[in-house]
């Protein structure tokens, strides 16, 4: 995008070497023009294992499929823009579940752009094409159209399909050893007998598998003396986070605990851990805290929050 005149005093701009790059500068008032990327926001709305897409009715890429989204207005946040664009394009009122990713793209009249993409779920409205769209529809992972409009949307949908293809199951002894290696690599837990979760009764180690790779895991131990269960650990590789893997692992943990007819599944996490949101959305409640729970050697000491998921078993 070319800027010719100063927005402060109207003088013609000149190019000046600012050290790190050449920028438009006003020789009259000294105002420096910074050419910022265009910001867009959108949603990936999932419903019963399918994703919402809209067929565009206007250029660019008219007739192609895309995720609901559009440019952020000057008076709104990226979150507000994502919610507004979803309503306008596909007729759904949505609630955002969290940030999925941020993607850079080319090809706008202003130059480069940034797409801020959120996971979302519908809380109202009816799936239908907006005024500037041809149609709106749900697609399963194996049925994503080939004519998806934008590179950023294609990448996001590839990420979503990859996350949906992950298999969740009980770990083998060999996979427990891989979990132990991940534990050592990321240094998040001490003194766990990962193989024991596989070999002993009343305990389980669940793994999230992307083909042959362990990309996440969680473990549960049943406490028969008081008929509760402990969710000991949940972990997802950094490159696989924000795509619902932790949520699916917690669902496996809850199913396992329910099958053993415990009264509650207990968990703990640092108060600063983003995983707390996942626990709360899964139905856990905060039932206590302790400032001295974690060892003093931790680099970033934090308050431990204790959580419980209550079952209806008497």
Protein backbone atom coordinates (compact mmCIF):
# COMPACT_ATOMS: atom_id res chain seq x y z
CA UNK A 1 0.00 0.00 0.00
CA UNK A 2 1.41 3.40 -0.98
CA UNK A 3 0.86 6.40 1.31
CA UNK A 4 1.61 9.74 -0.37
CA UNK A 5 0.53 12.48 2.05
CA UNK A 6 0.95 12.98 5.79
CA UNK A 7 -2.19 12.26 7.80
CA UNK A 8 -1.15 14.90 10.38
CA UNK A 9 -0.42 17.99 8.26
CA UNK A 10 -1.09 17.00 4.64
CA UNK A 11 2.48 17.48 3.39
CA UNK A 12 3.89 15.12 0.77
CA UNK A 13 5.84 12.28 2.39
CA UNK A 14 9.42 11.40 1.56
CA UNK A 15 11.26 8.12 2.03
CA UNK A 16 13.85 8.09 4.78
CA UNK A 17 16.31 5.42 5.90
CA UNK A 18 15.37 4.73 9.54
CA UNK A 19 18.15 2.20 10.09
CA UNK A 20 16.08 -0.99 10.21
CA UNK A 21 14.18 -0.09 7.02
CA UNK A 22 13.10 2.78 4.75
CA UNK A 23 9.84 4.41 5.90
CA UNK A 24 7.59 7.24 4.65
CA UNK A 25 8.32 10.36 6.75
CA UNK A 26 6.81 13.84 6.70
CA UNK A 27 9.56 16.45 6.14
CA UNK A 28 7.31 19.14 7.62
CA UNK A 29 6.12 17.75 10.96
CA UNK A 30 8.37 14.65 11.27
CA UNK A 31 5.46 12.18 11.42
CA UNK A 32 6.62 8.62 10.61
CA UNK A 33 4.19 6.33 8.78
CA UNK A 34 4.18 2.68 9.86
CA UNK A 35 2.49 0.40 7.33
CA UNK A 36 0.80 -2.28 9.44
CA UNK A 37 -0.72 -5.53 8.17
CA UNK A 38 -4.45 -5.94 7.74
CA UNK A 39 -6.05 -7.96 10.56
CA UNK A 40 -8.81 -10.48 9.92
CA UNK A 41 -10.63 -12.71 12.41
CA UNK A 42 -12.62 -15.89 11.92
CA UNK A 43 -13.99 -18.98 13.57
CA UNK A 44 -13.77 -22.70 13.21
CA UNK A 45 -17.18 -23.86 14.40
CA UNK A 46 -17.46 -27.59 15.00
CA UNK A 47 -20.79 -29.37 15.33
CA UNK A 48 -21.08 -33.15 15.77
CA UNK A 49 -17.64 -33.73 14.32
CA UNK A 50 -18.23 -31.46 11.31
CA UNK A 51 -16.96 -27.97 10.50
CA UNK A 52 -18.99 -24.97 9.29
CA UNK A 53 -17.94 -23.55 5.91
CA UNK A 54 -19.46 -20.81 3.77
CA UNK A 55 -19.38 -20.55 -0.03
CA UNK A 56 -18.33 -17.01 -0.86
CA UNK A 57 -20.63 -14.90 -2.99
CA UNK A 58 -18.25 -11.98 -3.54
CA UNK A 59 -14.69 -11.44 -4.64
CA UNK A 60 -12.04 -12.31 -3.83
CA UNK A 61 -12.47 -16.04 -4.52
CA UNK A 62 -16.23 -15.90 -5.19
CA UNK A 63 -17.73 -19.39 -5.40
CA UNK A 64 -15.04 -20.94 -3.18
CA UNK A 65 -15.54 -22.32 0.33
CA UNK A 66 -14.08 -20.62 3.40
CA UNK A 67 -14.27 -20.45 7.16
CA UNK A 68 -16.53 -17.69 8.50
CA UNK A 69 -14.44 -14.57 8.93
CA UNK A 70 -13.52 -11.11 7.73
CA UNK A 71 -11.63 -7.92 8.49
CA UNK A 72 -11.55 -6.47 12.01
CA UNK A 73 -13.15 -3.02 12.21
CA UNK A 74 -11.32 -0.18 13.96
CA UNK A 75 -13.83 -0.07 16.84
CA UNK A 76 -13.88 -3.78 17.71
CA UNK A 77 -11.61 -6.47 19.08
CA UNK A 78 -10.54 -9.53 17.12
CA UNK A 79 -12.93 -11.61 19.26
CA UNK A 80 -15.84 -9.29 18.53
CA UNK A 81 -15.06 -9.35 14.81
CA UNK A 82 -14.94 -13.16 14.74
CA UNK A 83 -18.35 -13.39 16.43
CA UNK A 84 -19.87 -10.70 14.20
CA UNK A 85 -18.54 -12.17 10.96
CA UNK A 86 -19.83 -15.64 11.87
CA UNK A 87 -23.31 -14.25 12.49
CA UNK A 88 -23.29 -12.23 9.27
CA UNK A 89 -21.93 -15.00 7.05
CA UNK A 90 -23.55 -18.21 8.36
CA UNK A 91 -26.39 -17.07 10.68
CA UNK A 92 -24.95 -18.59 13.87
CA UNK A 93 -24.56 -16.94 17.24
CA UNK A 94 -21.33 -18.37 18.60
CA UNK A 95 -19.30 -18.41 21.77
CA UNK A 96 -15.53 -18.53 21.40
CA UNK A 97 -13.75 -21.49 23.00
CA UNK A 98 -10.24 -20.10 22.64
CA UNK A 99 -7.54 -19.08 20.19
CA UNK A 100 -6.64 -21.76 17.64
CA UNK A 101 -3.82 -20.06 15.78
CA UNK A 102 -2.59 -16.92 14.05
CA UNK A 103 -1.78 -17.14 10.34
CA UNK A 104 -0.03 -14.66 8.03
CA UNK A 105 -1.22 -14.16 4.45
CA UNK A 106 -0.51 -12.09 1.32
CA UNK A 107 -2.66 -10.58 -1.37
CA UNK A 108 -4.65 -7.80 0.32
CA UNK A 109 -4.73 -4.30 -1.24
CA UNK A 110 -2.81 -3.15 1.85
CA UNK A 111 -0.14 -5.86 1.48
CA UNK A 112 0.32 -8.60 4.04
CA UNK A 113 -2.35 -9.61 6.53
CA UNK A 114 -2.90 -11.62 9.70
CA UNK A 115 -5.76 -14.03 10.38
CA UNK A 116 -6.69 -14.61 14.03
CA UNK A 117 -8.67 -17.84 14.17
CA UNK A 118 -10.79 -18.99 17.12
CA UNK A 119 -12.47 -22.27 18.00
CA UNK A 120 -16.16 -21.65 18.60
CA UNK A 121 -19.47 -23.39 19.22
CA UNK A 122 -22.97 -22.31 18.27
CA UNK A 123 -25.28 -21.01 21.01
CA UNK A 124 -28.10 -19.85 18.76
CA UNK A 125 -29.22 -18.94 15.28
CA UNK A 126 -29.66 -21.21 12.28
CA UNK A 127 -27.03 -22.31 9.77
CA UNK A 128 -27.76 -20.36 6.58
CA UNK A 129 -25.88 -18.26 4.03
CA UNK A 130 -25.65 -14.54 4.71
CA UNK A 131 -26.35 -11.80 2.19
CA UNK A 132 -22.90 -11.97 0.58
CA UNK A 133 -22.69 -15.79 0.52
CA UNK A 134 -24.06 -18.50 -1.76
CA UNK A 135 -24.51 -21.26 0.84
CA UNK A 136 -23.36 -22.49 4.24
CA UNK A 137 -22.91 -26.14 5.17
CA UNK A 138 -21.27 -28.64 7.53
CA UNK A 139 -18.43 -30.87 6.34
CA UNK A 140 -16.78 -33.92 7.96
CA UNK A 141 -12.96 -34.22 7.95
CA UNK A 142 -13.02 -36.62 5.01
CA UNK A 143 -15.35 -34.38 3.01
CA UNK A 144 -13.62 -30.99 3.03
CA UNK A 145 -14.12 -29.36 -0.42
CA UNK A 146 -11.11 -29.04 -2.68
CA UNK A 147 -11.96 -25.45 -3.62
CA UNK A 148 -11.20 -23.79 -0.26
CA UNK A 149 -10.55 -20.11 -0.90
CA UNK A 150 -7.50 -19.03 1.06
CA UNK A 151 -4.14 -20.53 2.01
CA UNK A 152 -4.71 -19.71 5.68
CA UNK A 153 -8.10 -21.44 5.67
CA UNK A 154 -6.66 -24.50 3.93
CA UNK A 155 -3.92 -24.70 6.56
CA UNK A 156 -6.40 -24.36 9.41
CA UNK A 157 -8.61 -27.08 7.94
CA UNK A 158 -5.60 -29.37 7.49
CA UNK A 159 -4.76 -28.82 11.17
CA UNK A 160 -8.37 -29.55 12.14
CA UNK A 161 -8.49 -32.73 10.07
CA UNK A 162 -5.21 -33.88 11.60
CA UNK A 163 -6.57 -33.29 15.10
CA UNK A 164 -9.80 -35.17 14.29
CA UNK A 165 -7.79 -38.17 13.02
CA UNK A 166 -5.97 -38.64 16.33
CA UNK A 167 -6.75 -41.93 18.08
CA UNK A 168 -7.30 -42.06 21.86
CA UNK A 169 -6.74 -45.36 23.65
CA UNK A 170 -5.04 -47.11 26.55
CA UNK A 171 -1.24 -47.13 26.30
CA UNK A 172 0.98 -50.17 25.83
CA UNK A 173 4.09 -50.71 27.95
CA UNK A 174 6.23 -49.49 25.06
CA UNK A 175 4.16 -46.31 24.79
CA UNK A 176 4.44 -45.80 28.55
CA UNK A 177 8.21 -45.77 28.08
CA UNK A 178 7.80 -43.10 25.38
CA UNK A 179 5.69 -41.09 27.84
CA UNK A 180 8.54 -41.39 30.37
CA UNK A 181 10.92 -39.99 27.75
CA UNK A 182 8.56 -37.07 27.08
CA UNK A 183 8.39 -36.48 30.82
CA UNK A 184 12.18 -36.27 30.96
CA UNK A 185 12.34 -34.05 27.88
CA UNK A 186 9.76 -31.52 29.09
CA UNK A 187 10.56 -31.89 32.82
CA UNK A 188 6.98 -31.60 34.07
CA UNK A 189 6.67 -34.42 36.64
CA UNK A 190 8.92 -36.26 39.08
CA UNK A 191 8.66 -39.76 40.49
CA UNK A 192 5.92 -41.17 38.27
CA UNK A 193 5.89 -44.88 37.46
CA UNK A 194 4.48 -44.56 33.96
CA UNK A 195 4.74 -48.28 33.20
CA UNK A 196 2.90 -48.99 36.44
CA UNK A 197 -0.18 -47.17 35.15
CA UNK A 198 -0.34 -49.81 32.40
CA UNK A 199 0.55 -52.90 34.41
CA UNK A 200 -1.29 -52.30 37.71
CA UNK A 201 -4.98 -52.69 38.45
CA UNK A 202 -7.14 -49.66 39.14
CA UNK A 203 -4.98 -47.33 37.04
CA UNK A 204 -4.76 -46.39 33.38
CA UNK A 205 -2.57 -44.41 31.00
CA UNK A 206 -4.35 -42.97 27.97
CA UNK A 207 -2.41 -41.82 24.92
CA UNK A 208 -3.35 -39.60 22.00
CA UNK A 209 -1.79 -41.09 18.86
CA UNK A 210 -1.11 -39.26 15.61
CA UNK A 211 -0.43 -42.35 13.53
CA UNK A 212 2.49 -43.95 15.42
CA UNK A 213 3.44 -40.88 17.42
CA UNK A 214 2.42 -40.19 21.03
CA UNK A 215 1.28 -36.56 21.00
CA UNK A 216 -0.50 -36.44 24.35
CA UNK A 217 -1.39 -38.52 27.38
CA UNK A 218 -3.22 -38.59 30.71
CA UNK A 219 -3.30 -40.99 33.64
CA UNK A 220 -5.89 -41.93 36.27
CA UNK A 221 -5.59 -43.89 39.51
CA UNK A 222 -8.58 -45.28 41.42
CA UNK A 223 -8.55 -44.82 45.22
CA UNK A 224 -10.76 -47.63 46.51
CA UNK A 225 -10.62 -46.61 50.15
CA UNK A 226 -12.73 -43.50 49.54
CA UNK A 227 -14.08 -44.33 46.07
CA UNK A 228 -12.46 -41.39 44.31
CA UNK A 229 -10.03 -41.24 41.39
CA UNK A 230 -7.03 -39.01 40.75
CA UNK A 231 -6.30 -37.51 37.34
CA UNK A 232 -2.55 -37.53 37.85
CA UNK A 233 -1.28 -35.83 34.72
CA UNK A 234 -2.40 -34.51 31.37
CA UNK A 235 0.03 -33.35 28.69
CA UNK A 236 -0.10 -32.44 25.00
CA UNK A 237 2.90 -31.69 22.80
CA UNK A 238 3.21 -27.92 22.22
CA UNK A 239 2.72 -28.20 18.44
CA UNK A 240 -0.58 -30.08 18.97
CA UNK A 241 -2.16 -27.76 21.53
CA UNK A 242 -5.38 -25.75 21.13
CA UNK A 243 -7.02 -28.37 18.90
CA UNK A 244 -9.11 -30.17 21.56
CA UNK A 245 -6.72 -33.03 22.37
CA UNK A 246 -6.66 -32.29 26.11
CA UNK A 247 -10.46 -32.16 26.10
CA UNK A 248 -10.69 -35.59 24.46
CA UNK A 249 -8.20 -37.05 26.94
CA UNK A 250 -10.23 -35.68 29.86
CA UNK A 251 -13.34 -37.27 28.35
CA UNK A 252 -11.52 -40.64 28.35
CA UNK A 253 -10.50 -40.07 31.98
CA UNK A 254 -14.08 -39.24 32.98
CA UNK A 255 -15.44 -42.33 31.21
CA UNK A 256 -12.87 -44.53 32.97
CA UNK A 257 -13.67 -43.04 36.38
CA UNK A 258 -17.41 -43.38 35.80
CA UNK A 259 -17.06 -47.04 34.77
CA UNK A 260 -15.38 -47.68 38.14
CA UNK A 261 -18.30 -45.95 39.89
CA UNK A 262 -16.21 -43.49 41.83
CA UNK A 263 -17.81 -40.53 43.54
CA UNK A 264 -15.42 -37.91 42.16
CA UNK A 265 -12.46 -37.46 39.83
CA UNK A 266 -9.86 -35.16 41.42
CA UNK A 267 -7.20 -33.07 39.70
CA UNK A 268 -4.78 -30.24 40.45
CA UNK A 269 -3.04 -27.62 38.35
CA UNK A 270 -1.10 -24.39 38.85
CA UNK A 271 -3.39 -21.37 38.93
CA UNK A 272 -1.48 -19.97 35.94
CA UNK A 273 -1.95 -23.09 33.79
CA UNK A 274 -4.18 -22.50 30.72
CA UNK A 275 -5.41 -26.12 31.10
CA UNK A 276 -7.65 -24.90 33.93
CA UNK A 277 -10.09 -23.60 31.32
CA UNK A 278 -10.28 -27.11 29.82
CA UNK A 279 -11.05 -28.63 33.22
CA UNK A 280 -13.76 -26.09 33.97
CA UNK A 281 -15.42 -26.52 30.57
CA UNK A 282 -15.41 -30.29 31.14
CA UNK A 283 -17.46 -29.81 34.31
CA UNK A 284 -14.84 -29.72 37.06
CA UNK A 285 -15.27 -27.33 39.98
CA UNK A 286 -12.54 -25.63 42.01
CA UNK A 287 -12.64 -27.12 45.50
CA UNK A 288 -9.50 -25.71 47.11
CA UNK A 289 -6.06 -24.17 46.77
CA UNK A 290 -2.64 -24.36 48.41
CA UNK A 291 0.26 -21.90 48.10
CA UNK A 292 2.91 -24.38 49.28
CA UNK A 293 1.92 -27.44 47.23
CA UNK A 294 4.73 -27.30 44.67
CA UNK A 295 8.41 -27.83 45.59
CA UNK A 296 10.38 -24.67 46.43
CA UNK A 297 12.91 -25.53 43.68
CA UNK A 298 10.37 -24.67 40.97
CA UNK A 299 11.48 -21.68 38.90
CA UNK A 300 8.01 -20.17 38.81
CA UNK A 301 6.23 -21.01 42.08
CA UNK A 302 2.45 -20.93 41.72
CA UNK A 303 -0.64 -21.55 43.74
CA UNK A 304 -2.09 -25.03 43.21
CA UNK A 305 -5.79 -25.22 42.48
CA UNK A 306 -7.60 -28.45 43.32
CA UNK A 307 -10.53 -29.50 41.18
CA UNK A 308 -13.24 -32.15 41.37
CA UNK A 309 -15.69 -33.65 38.92
CA UNK A 310 -18.65 -35.03 40.88
CA UNK A 311 -20.44 -38.18 39.71
CA UNK A 312 -23.93 -39.29 40.67
CA UNK A 313 -22.75 -42.65 41.97
CA UNK A 314 -24.00 -43.04 45.60
